[in-house]
Amino acid sequence: MDLPPEISVFILSLTAPFILYTINHVSFLQDPQVILAIGIMVLTTIFLLANLSVKSKQSTDPLFYVFAVFSFTSVVSITNALQHTGLIKGFMDFYISKGEPYLSTAHGIMMSYWDGVVHYGLLLIMAHHTTAGKPFRSLALVWAGSMIASQIVLITGVVVGKYGKNLLPAFWRNAPSLVLSVWAAAKLFNKPRELSIIPADKVEVEQKKTLLSRPTDLLLTLGLIGSIIFTAFRGFVVLECSLDFCFTYIFQYEPYMKESVGFPKVTMLVFLFYVLPLLTACVYGLYTPGCTWMLDWTLVLAGAVAQMQWTHLGASVHSRTPFTYRIPRDEWRQVVTLNLLYTAVPVLLAVRCYMDQTFFMKSVPQEQASNGKKKN
């Protein structure tokens, strides 16, 4: 009996720990070049086996293969996280010493937890929806935003941080991961939106309301403005702003931002140069009716911010971060609360846009709406 494709993807992904354990105990497989070659070979095999699992189907969305490959790497990630938390052992030693040593940092561990839990769950759901003909675009946009942000911070942080002095061959496997994630996002944007069916007169009534008469949108706008200020401020801080309050913040509140690994600085710069313009655009989208792009980009934004904030905040308090760079005990509550609020704003905005799309629908001309009513 043929297994459902999503079950095949799940089973294939679970082979990751066995492969890691085998390589970890076979010394001649632990050469840096061999590790990269094995990685390419294994991922190619996963792709081919995933193709066999859907061969009986007439047509398969190419994104299914993307989800299958990344499901495997997500299990590698959770294996890495569990080993460095001390829950398992004997799986990742070779890969950390001769593959990607930065995955043993606080940033690498927190990133691995996110990839192995959140990304893995999303990927399995999306693999099922893809083969079952169910809508998956919205979930996939959240995943794409999260995955692209994760890869940008990782690749750039490694290159500009202390690990950039001695790059091993396995590092370069991250480049195809980033390219594949961007390609998947482009494919998703070209798919039709999952729009609700809303009567034209309801759209017209909703879009006539001012921002002051939409309390939820007003609160979200205020939250976005606060997020814009906080994003710009932290960007200036990591750019070594000489103002006293910038100096005070990085030393007394978030000293992790000056850690030599490079990841926190790159994270703040991604927020400054990519997230800040999107936050500003979202303020416009909540004020101006008919911005259908809000239905897509808020999902991407929520995924990206949630992933980066989880990794940044988690690394700021992690035991593998040197004590002097962790959030000071006296300021712990304020800093954590502020970061959680910052994370919540784009997530709540994405939920609001997904749950009620009326304000963001394209307005129907009055004559067309009237003709539609006459026909009915």
Protein backbone atom coordinates (compact mmCIF):
# COMPACT_ATOMS: atom_id res chain seq x y z
CA MET A 1 0.00 0.00 0.00
CA ASP A 2 1.33 3.42 -1.00
CA LEU A 3 1.85 5.84 1.88
CA PRO A 4 0.37 9.35 1.64
CA PRO A 5 3.06 11.78 0.37
CA GLU A 6 3.08 13.81 3.59
CA ILE A 7 3.72 10.62 5.62
CA SER A 8 6.58 9.79 3.27
CA VAL A 9 8.04 13.26 3.87
CA PHE A 10 7.71 12.76 7.62
CA ILE A 11 9.45 9.35 7.51
CA LEU A 12 12.22 10.65 5.24
CA SER A 13 12.89 13.55 7.61
CA LEU A 14 13.26 11.14 10.53
CA THR A 15 16.23 9.49 8.83
CA ALA A 16 18.32 12.58 9.68
CA PRO A 17 19.35 11.49 13.23
CA PHE A 18 20.41 8.04 11.97
CA ILE A 19 22.57 9.59 9.23
CA LEU A 20 24.12 12.05 11.70
CA TYR A 21 24.82 9.31 14.24
CA THR A 22 26.47 7.11 11.60
CA ILE A 23 28.76 9.87 10.31
CA ASN A 24 29.59 10.90 13.88
CA HIS A 25 30.99 7.40 14.54
CA VAL A 26 32.75 6.77 11.21
CA SER A 27 35.97 8.80 11.19
CA PHE A 28 36.76 8.75 7.45
CA LEU A 29 33.42 10.47 6.74
CA GLN A 30 34.34 13.46 8.91
CA ASP A 31 36.55 15.34 6.45
CA PRO A 32 35.13 18.87 5.80
CA GLN A 33 34.86 18.32 2.02
CA VAL A 34 33.28 14.90 2.55
CA ILE A 35 30.71 16.41 4.94
CA LEU A 36 29.63 18.91 2.27
CA ALA A 37 29.48 16.18 -0.38
CA ILE A 38 27.40 13.93 1.88
CA GLY A 39 25.03 16.81 2.61
CA ILE A 40 24.46 17.47 -1.08
CA MET A 41 24.02 13.76 -1.80
CA VAL A 42 21.54 13.24 1.06
CA LEU A 43 19.39 16.25 0.13
CA THR A 44 19.37 15.15 -3.52
CA THR A 45 18.24 11.69 -2.41
CA ILE A 46 15.45 13.22 -0.28
CA PHE A 47 14.29 15.17 -3.34
CA LEU A 48 14.25 12.04 -5.53
CA LEU A 49 12.43 9.94 -2.92
CA ALA A 50 9.88 12.71 -2.40
CA ASN A 51 9.33 12.69 -6.16
CA LEU A 52 8.68 8.93 -6.06
CA SER A 53 6.08 9.42 -3.31
CA VAL A 54 3.92 11.60 -5.60
CA LYS A 55 4.62 9.82 -8.88
CA SER A 56 1.08 8.42 -8.99
CA LYS A 57 -0.39 11.92 -8.93
CA GLN A 58 -1.04 13.71 -12.22
CA SER A 59 0.48 17.02 -11.13
CA THR A 60 2.38 18.08 -8.04
CA ASP A 61 3.17 21.61 -6.94
CA PRO A 62 6.98 22.02 -7.09
CA LEU A 63 6.82 23.60 -3.65
CA PHE A 64 6.11 20.13 -2.27
CA TYR A 65 9.72 19.16 -2.98
CA VAL A 66 10.94 22.32 -1.24
CA PHE A 67 8.91 21.41 1.84
CA ALA A 68 10.27 17.84 1.75
CA VAL A 69 13.93 18.94 1.61
CA PHE A 70 13.53 21.56 4.35
CA SER A 71 11.69 19.05 6.54
CA PHE A 72 14.84 16.96 6.59
CA THR A 73 17.06 19.95 7.49
CA SER A 74 14.59 20.91 10.24
CA VAL A 75 15.12 17.53 11.91
CA VAL A 76 18.88 18.11 11.67
CA SER A 77 18.28 21.44 13.42
CA ILE A 78 16.25 19.99 16.30
CA THR A 79 18.91 17.28 16.71
CA ASN A 80 21.52 20.01 17.04
CA ALA A 81 19.41 21.92 19.56
CA LEU A 82 18.71 18.86 21.69
CA GLN A 83 22.36 17.80 21.77
CA HIS A 84 23.56 21.24 22.84
CA THR A 85 20.86 21.39 25.49
CA GLY A 86 22.25 18.11 26.87
CA LEU A 87 19.20 15.96 26.16
CA ILE A 88 20.97 13.70 23.66
CA LYS A 89 24.60 13.09 22.65
CA GLY A 90 26.70 11.52 19.92
CA PHE A 91 24.98 13.10 16.90
CA MET A 92 26.46 16.51 16.07
CA ASP A 93 30.05 16.49 17.39
CA PHE A 94 31.64 15.98 13.97
CA TYR A 95 29.44 18.61 12.31
CA ILE A 96 30.20 21.26 14.91
CA SER A 97 33.96 20.68 14.77
CA LYS A 98 34.33 20.27 10.98
CA GLY A 99 31.12 21.64 9.50
CA GLU A 100 29.35 24.63 11.07
CA PRO A 101 30.86 25.45 14.51
CA TYR A 102 28.65 28.54 14.94
CA LEU A 103 25.63 26.25 15.38
CA SER A 104 26.88 25.61 18.91
CA THR A 105 26.50 29.29 19.85
CA ALA A 106 23.44 30.60 21.69
CA HIS A 107 22.18 32.06 18.42
CA GLY A 108 22.69 28.77 16.60
CA ILE A 109 20.89 26.77 19.28
CA MET A 110 17.88 29.12 19.46
CA MET A 111 17.71 29.23 15.66
CA SER A 112 17.82 25.42 15.59
CA TYR A 113 14.94 25.16 18.06
CA TRP A 114 12.82 27.48 15.91
CA ASP A 115 13.70 25.59 12.74
CA GLY A 116 13.15 22.19 14.33
CA VAL A 117 9.80 23.02 15.93
CA VAL A 118 8.04 25.93 14.18
CA HIS A 119 9.41 25.43 10.67
CA TYR A 120 9.08 21.65 10.88
CA GLY A 121 5.45 21.85 11.96
CA LEU A 122 4.61 24.34 9.20
CA LEU A 123 6.42 22.26 6.58
CA LEU A 124 4.55 19.06 7.42
CA ILE A 125 1.20 20.89 7.38
CA MET A 126 2.04 22.53 4.06
CA ALA A 127 3.21 19.23 2.55
CA HIS A 128 -0.16 17.71 3.48
CA HIS A 129 -2.14 20.68 2.12
CA THR A 130 -0.13 20.67 -1.11
CA THR A 131 -0.91 17.04 -1.94
CA ALA A 132 -4.50 17.21 -0.63
CA GLY A 133 -5.35 20.26 -2.74
CA LYS A 134 -6.00 22.43 0.30
CA PRO A 135 -4.96 26.11 0.50
CA PHE A 136 -1.52 26.62 2.03
CA ARG A 137 -0.37 29.98 0.65
CA SER A 138 -0.88 31.99 3.84
CA LEU A 139 0.98 29.49 6.03
CA ALA A 140 3.74 29.25 3.45
CA LEU A 141 4.23 33.03 3.40
CA VAL A 142 4.76 32.98 7.18
CA TRP A 143 7.31 30.18 6.72
CA ALA A 144 9.03 31.99 3.84
CA GLY A 145 9.42 35.22 5.82
CA SER A 146 10.80 33.32 8.78
CA MET A 147 13.15 31.16 6.72
CA ILE A 148 14.57 34.00 4.63
CA ALA A 149 15.19 36.14 7.72
CA SER A 150 16.89 33.22 9.45
CA GLN A 151 19.22 32.56 6.51
CA ILE A 152 20.10 36.22 5.93
CA VAL A 153 21.10 36.71 9.57
CA LEU A 154 22.99 33.41 9.71
CA ILE A 155 24.99 33.84 6.50
CA THR A 156 25.81 37.51 7.04
CA GLY A 157 26.50 37.05 10.76
CA VAL A 158 28.96 34.24 10.10
CA VAL A 159 30.84 36.22 7.44
CA VAL A 160 31.16 39.48 9.43
CA GLY A 161 31.57 37.88 12.87
CA LYS A 162 34.42 35.96 14.46
CA TYR A 163 33.59 32.75 12.55
CA GLY A 164 34.23 34.46 9.22
CA LYS A 165 37.99 34.01 9.60
CA ASN A 166 37.81 30.25 9.04
CA LEU A 167 34.88 29.24 6.87
CA LEU A 168 34.51 25.51 6.34
CA PRO A 169 32.99 23.95 3.18
CA ALA A 170 29.69 23.05 4.91
CA PHE A 171 28.98 26.78 5.36
CA TRP A 172 28.25 27.10 1.66
CA ARG A 173 25.24 24.79 1.89
CA ASN A 174 23.42 27.81 3.40
CA ALA A 175 23.55 29.71 0.10
CA PRO A 176 21.28 27.22 -1.77
CA SER A 177 18.95 27.23 1.25
CA LEU A 178 18.56 31.01 0.97
CA VAL A 179 18.09 30.88 -2.81
CA LEU A 180 15.52 28.09 -2.50
CA SER A 181 13.61 30.04 0.17
CA VAL A 182 13.53 33.19 -1.99
CA TRP A 183 12.42 31.14 -5.00
CA ALA A 184 9.63 29.57 -2.93
CA ALA A 185 8.50 33.03 -1.77
CA ALA A 186 8.41 34.25 -5.38
CA LYS A 187 6.31 31.23 -6.37
CA LEU A 188 3.93 31.92 -3.48
CA PHE A 189 3.46 35.56 -4.45
CA ASN A 190 2.53 34.44 -7.97
CA LYS A 191 -0.21 32.16 -6.63
CA PRO A 192 -3.76 33.55 -6.31
CA ARG A 193 -4.57 35.07 -2.91
CA GLU A 194 -6.87 33.21 -0.55
CA LEU A 195 -9.54 35.94 -0.44
CA SER A 196 -12.82 35.86 1.42
CA ILE A 197 -16.07 36.48 -0.48
CA ILE A 198 -17.30 39.84 0.79
CA PRO A 199 -20.32 41.78 -0.60
CA ALA A 200 -19.37 45.03 -2.38
CA ASP A 201 -21.67 47.13 -0.17
CA LYS A 202 -19.95 45.81 2.98
CA VAL A 203 -16.55 46.66 1.50
CA GLU A 204 -17.80 50.16 0.69
CA VAL A 205 -19.13 50.75 4.20
CA GLU A 206 -15.96 49.47 5.89
CA GLN A 207 -13.65 51.51 3.68
CA LYS A 208 -15.53 54.74 4.43
CA LYS A 209 -14.61 54.44 8.11
CA THR A 210 -11.79 56.61 9.34
CA LEU A 211 -8.93 55.26 11.38
CA LEU A 212 -10.42 56.77 14.54
CA SER A 213 -13.62 54.78 14.03
CA ARG A 214 -11.64 51.51 13.77
CA PRO A 215 -10.25 51.07 17.30
CA THR A 216 -8.35 47.83 16.56
CA ASP A 217 -6.58 49.40 13.59
CA LEU A 218 -5.88 52.53 15.62
CA LEU A 219 -4.20 50.50 18.36
CA LEU A 220 -2.20 48.54 15.78
CA THR A 221 -1.12 51.80 14.13
CA LEU A 222 0.11 53.14 17.45
CA GLY A 223 1.91 49.84 18.03
CA LEU A 224 3.52 50.06 14.59
CA ILE A 225 4.69 53.62 15.25
CA GLY A 226 6.22 52.48 18.54
CA SER A 227 7.87 49.56 16.72
CA ILE A 228 9.29 51.92 14.09
CA ILE A 229 10.86 54.10 16.80
CA PHE A 230 12.27 51.06 18.64
CA THR A 231 13.64 49.57 15.40
CA ALA A 232 15.37 52.80 14.42
CA PHE A 233 16.74 53.26 17.93
CA ARG A 234 18.30 49.77 18.12
CA GLY A 235 19.70 50.21 14.62
CA PHE A 236 21.47 53.39 15.71
CA VAL A 237 22.71 51.63 18.84
CA VAL A 238 24.50 48.84 16.93
CA LEU A 239 25.89 51.44 14.52
CA GLU A 240 27.66 52.87 17.57
CA CYS A 241 25.64 56.05 17.98
CA SER A 242 27.54 58.39 20.30
CA LEU A 243 24.47 59.73 22.13
CA ASP A 244 24.42 59.02 25.85
CA PHE A 245 21.13 57.09 25.88
CA CYS A 246 22.39 54.79 23.08
CA PHE A 247 25.54 54.07 25.09
CA THR A 248 23.45 53.47 28.22
CA TYR A 249 21.06 51.09 26.44
CA ILE A 250 23.70 48.80 24.95
CA PHE A 251 25.62 48.51 28.22
CA GLN A 252 22.78 48.41 30.75
CA TYR A 253 19.88 46.82 28.85
CA GLU A 254 20.94 44.76 25.81
CA PRO A 255 24.72 44.19 25.97
CA TYR A 256 24.27 41.12 23.75
CA MET A 257 24.11 43.49 20.77
CA LYS A 258 27.89 44.05 21.04
CA GLU A 259 28.77 40.33 21.17
CA SER A 260 31.56 39.42 18.74
CA VAL A 261 29.67 36.56 17.05
CA GLY A 262 28.10 39.09 14.67
CA PHE A 263 24.55 37.71 14.76
CA PRO A 264 22.97 40.35 17.06
CA LYS A 265 24.42 43.25 15.07
CA VAL A 266 23.25 41.79 11.76
CA THR A 267 19.81 41.12 13.27
CA MET A 268 19.44 44.79 14.26
CA LEU A 269 20.58 45.92 10.80
CA VAL A 270 18.07 43.62 9.10
CA PHE A 271 15.41 45.17 11.31
CA LEU A 272 16.62 48.66 10.39
CA PHE A 273 16.95 48.25 6.62
CA TYR A 274 14.21 45.71 5.85
CA VAL A 275 11.69 45.51 8.68
CA LEU A 276 11.45 49.26 9.34
CA PRO A 277 10.32 50.10 5.75
CA LEU A 278 7.72 47.32 5.96
CA LEU A 279 6.44 48.61 9.31
CA THR A 280 6.13 52.08 7.77
CA ALA A 281 4.28 50.68 4.76
CA CYS A 282 1.88 48.85 7.10
CA VAL A 283 0.98 52.15 8.80
CA TYR A 284 0.01 53.43 5.35
CA GLY A 285 -1.89 50.21 4.62
CA LEU A 286 -4.01 50.57 7.78
CA TYR A 287 -4.82 54.17 6.88
CA THR A 288 -5.53 53.75 3.16
CA PRO A 289 -8.31 51.35 2.03
CA GLY A 290 -7.78 48.80 -0.73
CA CYS A 291 -4.14 47.86 -0.01
CA THR A 292 -4.47 44.17 -0.86
CA TRP A 293 -0.71 43.71 -0.57
CA MET A 294 -1.20 43.95 3.20
CA LEU A 295 -2.75 40.46 3.15
CA ASP A 296 0.57 39.01 1.93
CA TRP A 297 3.30 41.18 3.39
CA THR A 298 1.94 41.20 6.93
CA LEU A 299 2.31 37.39 6.95
CA VAL A 300 5.89 37.60 5.69
CA LEU A 301 6.66 40.34 8.22
CA ALA A 302 5.15 38.39 11.12
CA GLY A 303 7.18 35.29 10.28
CA ALA A 304 10.43 37.24 9.92
CA VAL A 305 10.04 39.30 13.10
CA ALA A 306 8.92 36.32 15.21
CA GLN A 307 11.92 34.23 14.09
CA MET A 308 14.51 36.96 14.59
CA GLN A 309 13.10 38.07 17.93
CA TRP A 310 12.92 34.50 19.24
CA THR A 311 16.55 33.92 18.31
CA HIS A 312 17.79 37.32 19.52
CA LEU A 313 15.92 37.33 22.81
CA GLY A 314 16.67 33.66 23.50
CA ALA A 315 20.38 34.16 22.84
CA SER A 316 20.37 37.23 25.10
CA VAL A 317 19.50 35.07 28.11
CA HIS A 318 21.12 31.76 27.05
CA SER A 319 23.79 30.16 29.22
CA ARG A 320 26.15 29.84 26.22
CA THR A 321 26.25 33.62 25.90
CA PRO A 322 29.06 35.05 28.08
CA PHE A 323 27.62 36.44 31.30
CA THR A 324 28.70 40.01 30.54
CA TYR A 325 26.63 40.01 27.34
CA ARG A 326 23.41 38.64 28.83
CA ILE A 327 20.50 40.87 29.84
CA PRO A 328 21.35 42.25 33.31
CA ARG A 329 19.26 40.70 36.07
CA ASP A 330 17.90 44.06 37.27
CA GLU A 331 16.65 45.00 33.79
CA TRP A 332 15.53 41.53 32.72
CA ARG A 333 11.79 42.09 33.12
CA GLN A 334 11.72 45.42 31.27
CA VAL A 335 13.85 44.21 28.35
CA VAL A 336 11.97 40.94 27.88
CA THR A 337 8.59 42.68 28.10
CA LEU A 338 9.63 45.31 25.57
CA ASN A 339 10.90 42.66 23.14
CA LEU A 340 7.76 40.55 23.51
CA LEU A 341 5.56 43.58 22.79
CA TYR A 342 7.72 44.36 19.77
CA THR A 343 7.21 40.79 18.52
CA ALA A 344 3.47 40.85 19.18
CA VAL A 345 2.70 43.90 17.01
CA PRO A 346 3.39 42.39 13.55
CA VAL A 347 1.93 39.03 14.62
CA LEU A 348 -1.33 40.64 15.76
CA LEU A 349 -1.39 42.75 12.60
CA ALA A 350 -1.08 39.64 10.43
CA VAL A 351 -3.90 37.94 12.38
CA ARG A 352 -6.09 41.02 12.00
CA CYS A 353 -5.51 41.20 8.23
CA TYR A 354 -6.11 37.47 7.77
CA MET A 355 -9.28 37.33 9.89
CA ASP A 356 -10.98 40.40 8.41
CA GLN A 357 -9.96 41.31 4.87
CA THR A 358 -12.77 43.78 4.14
CA PHE A 359 -10.80 47.03 4.51
CA PHE A 360 -8.01 45.76 2.26
CA MET A 361 -10.16 44.56 -0.65
CA LYS A 362 -10.10 46.45 -3.91
CA SER A 363 -13.10 48.79 -3.97
CA VAL A 364 -15.78 48.09 -6.58
CA PRO A 365 -16.89 51.08 -8.73
CA GLN A 366 -20.34 52.35 -7.73
CA GLU A 367 -21.82 51.68 -11.18
CA GLN A 368 -20.55 48.09 -11.19
CA ALA A 369 -21.93 47.46 -7.69
CA SER A 370 -25.32 48.89 -8.71
CA ASN A 371 -25.45 46.73 -11.85
CA GLY A 372 -24.65 43.67 -9.78
CA LYS A 373 -27.55 44.42 -7.44
CA LYS A 374 -29.96 44.88 -10.35
CA LYS A 375 -28.99 41.52 -11.82
CA ASN A 376 -29.62 39.84 -8.50
